[in-house]
Amino acid sequence: MRERGYIPHVPKKGAPATRHKTKGRARRWVVERTHSWMNNYRKLRVRYEKKASNFEALLHLAIAIICWRM
């Protein structure tokens, strides 16, 4: 991981568990939050499109709308 520039967050074996500071509320990962926003688009939840390119276009459109609203 270090060769690729990542900082490992793996505790040593047998080390006591530490609690993360969350400022009083649960923290959601960016990917989970994005998937939750994408679930608002019904055509993306169940793939109705036969062609992959059409589905991908709808996916890009949904992401663009999400970004525009932010």
N, C-alpha and C. Protein backbone atom coordinates (compact mmCIF):
# COMPACT_ATOMS: atom_id res chain seq x y z
N MET A 1 0.82 -1.18 0.00
CA MET A 1 0.00 0.00 0.00
C MET A 1 0.87 1.25 0.00
N ARG A 2 1.95 1.20 0.73
CA ARG A 2 2.80 2.40 0.81
C ARG A 2 3.48 2.70 -0.52
N GLU A 3 3.79 1.65 -1.30
CA GLU A 3 4.42 1.86 -2.61
C GLU A 3 3.49 2.63 -3.54
N ARG A 4 2.18 2.44 -3.38
CA ARG A 4 1.21 3.11 -4.23
C ARG A 4 0.73 4.43 -3.65
N GLY A 5 1.23 4.81 -2.48
CA GLY A 5 0.91 6.11 -1.91
C GLY A 5 -0.27 6.12 -0.95
N TYR A 6 -0.74 4.93 -0.52
CA TYR A 6 -1.85 4.86 0.43
C TYR A 6 -1.32 4.77 1.85
N ILE A 7 -2.07 5.31 2.78
CA ILE A 7 -1.71 5.23 4.19
C ILE A 7 -2.55 4.10 4.79
N PRO A 8 -1.92 3.03 5.27
CA PRO A 8 -2.70 1.92 5.82
C PRO A 8 -3.29 2.28 7.18
N HIS A 9 -4.52 1.84 7.40
CA HIS A 9 -5.20 2.06 8.68
C HIS A 9 -5.58 0.71 9.29
N VAL A 10 -4.68 -0.23 9.23
CA VAL A 10 -4.93 -1.57 9.74
C VAL A 10 -4.27 -1.69 11.11
N PRO A 11 -5.05 -1.99 12.17
CA PRO A 11 -4.45 -2.09 13.49
C PRO A 11 -3.60 -3.35 13.63
N LYS A 12 -2.64 -3.31 14.51
CA LYS A 12 -1.79 -4.48 14.78
C LYS A 12 -2.62 -5.57 15.44
N LYS A 13 -2.24 -6.79 15.21
CA LYS A 13 -2.97 -7.92 15.77
C LYS A 13 -2.82 -7.91 17.30
N GLY A 14 -3.96 -8.01 17.98
CA GLY A 14 -3.96 -8.01 19.44
C GLY A 14 -4.02 -6.63 20.06
N ALA A 15 -4.02 -5.57 19.25
CA ALA A 15 -4.09 -4.20 19.79
C ALA A 15 -5.53 -3.92 20.24
N PRO A 16 -5.70 -3.13 21.30
CA PRO A 16 -7.06 -2.81 21.75
C PRO A 16 -7.79 -1.97 20.71
N ALA A 17 -9.09 -2.19 20.61
CA ALA A 17 -9.90 -1.45 19.64
C ALA A 17 -10.05 0.00 20.09
N THR A 18 -9.94 0.92 19.15
CA THR A 18 -10.10 2.34 19.45
C THR A 18 -11.36 2.83 18.75
N ARG A 19 -12.02 3.78 19.37
CA ARG A 19 -13.23 4.36 18.78
C ARG A 19 -12.84 5.59 17.97
N HIS A 20 -13.53 5.75 16.84
CA HIS A 20 -13.29 6.91 15.99
C HIS A 20 -14.16 8.07 16.46
N LYS A 21 -13.65 9.27 16.33
CA LYS A 21 -14.41 10.46 16.69
C LYS A 21 -15.35 10.80 15.54
N THR A 22 -16.66 10.77 15.80
CA THR A 22 -17.64 11.03 14.75
C THR A 22 -18.47 12.27 15.02
N LYS A 23 -18.16 13.02 16.04
CA LYS A 23 -18.86 14.26 16.38
C LYS A 23 -20.35 14.02 16.64
N GLY A 24 -20.69 12.88 17.25
CA GLY A 24 -22.04 12.65 17.69
C GLY A 24 -23.00 12.03 16.71
N ARG A 25 -22.62 11.83 15.46
CA ARG A 25 -23.54 11.20 14.52
C ARG A 25 -22.78 10.21 13.64
N ALA A 26 -23.52 9.29 13.05
CA ALA A 26 -22.91 8.28 12.21
C ALA A 26 -22.36 8.92 10.94
N ARG A 27 -21.24 8.40 10.49
CA ARG A 27 -20.58 8.94 9.30
C ARG A 27 -20.86 8.01 8.12
N ARG A 28 -21.33 8.56 7.03
CA ARG A 28 -21.59 7.76 5.84
C ARG A 28 -20.46 7.97 4.85
N TRP A 29 -20.10 6.90 4.19
CA TRP A 29 -19.05 6.97 3.19
C TRP A 29 -19.57 7.67 1.95
N VAL A 30 -18.69 8.28 1.20
CA VAL A 30 -19.06 9.04 0.01
C VAL A 30 -19.78 8.14 -1.00
N VAL A 31 -19.30 6.93 -1.17
CA VAL A 31 -19.91 6.01 -2.14
C VAL A 31 -21.32 5.64 -1.72
N GLU A 32 -21.53 5.35 -0.43
CA GLU A 32 -22.86 5.01 0.06
C GLU A 32 -23.82 6.17 -0.14
N ARG A 33 -23.37 7.36 0.11
CA ARG A 33 -24.21 8.54 -0.06
C ARG A 33 -24.58 8.73 -1.53
N THR A 34 -23.61 8.55 -2.41
CA THR A 34 -23.85 8.71 -3.84
C THR A 34 -24.82 7.65 -4.35
N HIS A 35 -24.65 6.40 -3.90
CA HIS A 35 -25.58 5.34 -4.30
C HIS A 35 -26.98 5.64 -3.79
N SER A 36 -27.09 6.21 -2.61
CA SER A 36 -28.39 6.58 -2.08
C SER A 36 -29.05 7.63 -2.96
N TRP A 37 -28.30 8.61 -3.41
CA TRP A 37 -28.85 9.64 -4.29
C TRP A 37 -29.25 9.04 -5.64
N MET A 38 -28.45 8.09 -6.14
CA MET A 38 -28.75 7.49 -7.43
C MET A 38 -29.99 6.59 -7.36
N ASN A 39 -30.34 6.09 -6.18
CA ASN A 39 -31.54 5.27 -6.03
C ASN A 39 -32.81 6.07 -6.22
N ASN A 40 -32.71 7.40 -6.23
CA ASN A 40 -33.89 8.23 -6.50
C ASN A 40 -34.30 8.16 -7.96
N TYR A 41 -33.45 7.66 -8.81
CA TYR A 41 -33.74 7.55 -10.24
C TYR A 41 -34.16 6.12 -10.53
N ARG A 42 -35.46 5.96 -10.80
CA ARG A 42 -36.06 4.63 -10.92
C ARG A 42 -35.47 3.80 -12.05
N LYS A 43 -35.13 4.44 -13.16
CA LYS A 43 -34.58 3.69 -14.30
C LYS A 43 -33.20 3.13 -13.99
N LEU A 44 -32.52 3.66 -13.01
CA LEU A 44 -31.19 3.15 -12.67
C LEU A 44 -31.26 2.02 -11.66
N ARG A 45 -32.33 1.96 -10.85
CA ARG A 45 -32.44 0.90 -9.85
C ARG A 45 -32.56 -0.46 -10.50
N VAL A 46 -33.47 -0.57 -11.47
CA VAL A 46 -33.63 -1.80 -12.23
C VAL A 46 -33.27 -1.46 -13.66
N ARG A 47 -32.37 -2.21 -14.23
CA ARG A 47 -31.90 -1.88 -15.57
C ARG A 47 -32.92 -2.32 -16.60
N TYR A 48 -33.67 -1.35 -17.15
CA TYR A 48 -34.67 -1.63 -18.18
C TYR A 48 -34.07 -1.51 -19.58
N GLU A 49 -32.97 -0.83 -19.70
CA GLU A 49 -32.38 -0.58 -21.01
C GLU A 49 -31.70 -1.83 -21.53
N LYS A 50 -31.88 -2.11 -22.81
CA LYS A 50 -31.26 -3.31 -23.41
C LYS A 50 -29.81 -3.07 -23.78
N LYS A 51 -29.52 -1.86 -24.23
CA LYS A 51 -28.15 -1.54 -24.64
C LYS A 51 -27.37 -0.94 -23.47
N ALA A 52 -26.15 -1.38 -23.32
CA ALA A 52 -25.30 -0.87 -22.24
C ALA A 52 -25.01 0.61 -22.42
N SER A 53 -24.89 1.05 -23.68
CA SER A 53 -24.57 2.46 -23.93
C SER A 53 -25.73 3.38 -23.48
N ASN A 54 -26.98 2.91 -23.64
CA ASN A 54 -28.13 3.70 -23.18
C ASN A 54 -28.15 3.80 -21.67
N PHE A 55 -27.90 2.68 -21.01
CA PHE A 55 -27.86 2.68 -19.55
C PHE A 55 -26.75 3.59 -19.04
N GLU A 56 -25.60 3.52 -19.68
CA GLU A 56 -24.47 4.36 -19.27
C GLU A 56 -24.79 5.84 -19.47
N ALA A 57 -25.50 6.17 -20.54
CA ALA A 57 -25.88 7.56 -20.78
C ALA A 57 -26.82 8.05 -19.68
N LEU A 58 -27.79 7.21 -19.29
CA LEU A 58 -28.69 7.58 -18.19
C LEU A 58 -27.93 7.75 -16.88
N LEU A 59 -26.95 6.89 -16.67
CA LEU A 59 -26.12 6.99 -15.47
C LEU A 59 -25.36 8.31 -15.43
N HIS A 60 -24.78 8.69 -16.56
CA HIS A 60 -24.06 9.96 -16.64
C HIS A 60 -25.00 11.15 -16.44
N LEU A 61 -26.20 11.04 -17.00
CA LEU A 61 -27.18 12.10 -16.83
C LEU A 61 -27.59 12.25 -15.37
N ALA A 62 -27.82 11.13 -14.68
CA ALA A 62 -28.19 11.18 -13.27
C ALA A 62 -27.08 11.81 -12.43
N ILE A 63 -25.84 11.42 -12.68
CA ILE A 63 -24.70 11.99 -11.95
C ILE A 63 -24.58 13.49 -12.22
N ALA A 64 -24.80 13.89 -13.47
CA ALA A 64 -24.73 15.32 -13.81
C ALA A 64 -25.81 16.10 -13.06
N ILE A 65 -27.01 15.55 -12.98
CA ILE A 65 -28.10 16.22 -12.27
C ILE A 65 -27.78 16.32 -10.78
N ILE A 66 -27.23 15.25 -10.21
CA ILE A 66 -26.87 15.25 -8.80
C ILE A 66 -25.81 16.32 -8.52
N CYS A 67 -24.80 16.39 -9.38
CA CYS A 67 -23.73 17.38 -9.21
C CYS A 67 -24.27 18.80 -9.39
N TRP A 68 -25.17 18.99 -10.34
CA TRP A 68 -25.72 20.32 -10.60
C TRP A 68 -26.54 20.81 -9.41
N ARG A 69 -27.26 19.91 -8.77
CA ARG A 69 -28.08 20.30 -7.61
C ARG A 69 -27.24 20.62 -6.38
N MET A 70 -26.04 20.08 -6.31
CA MET A 70 -25.18 20.34 -5.17
C MET A 70 -24.61 21.72 -5.28
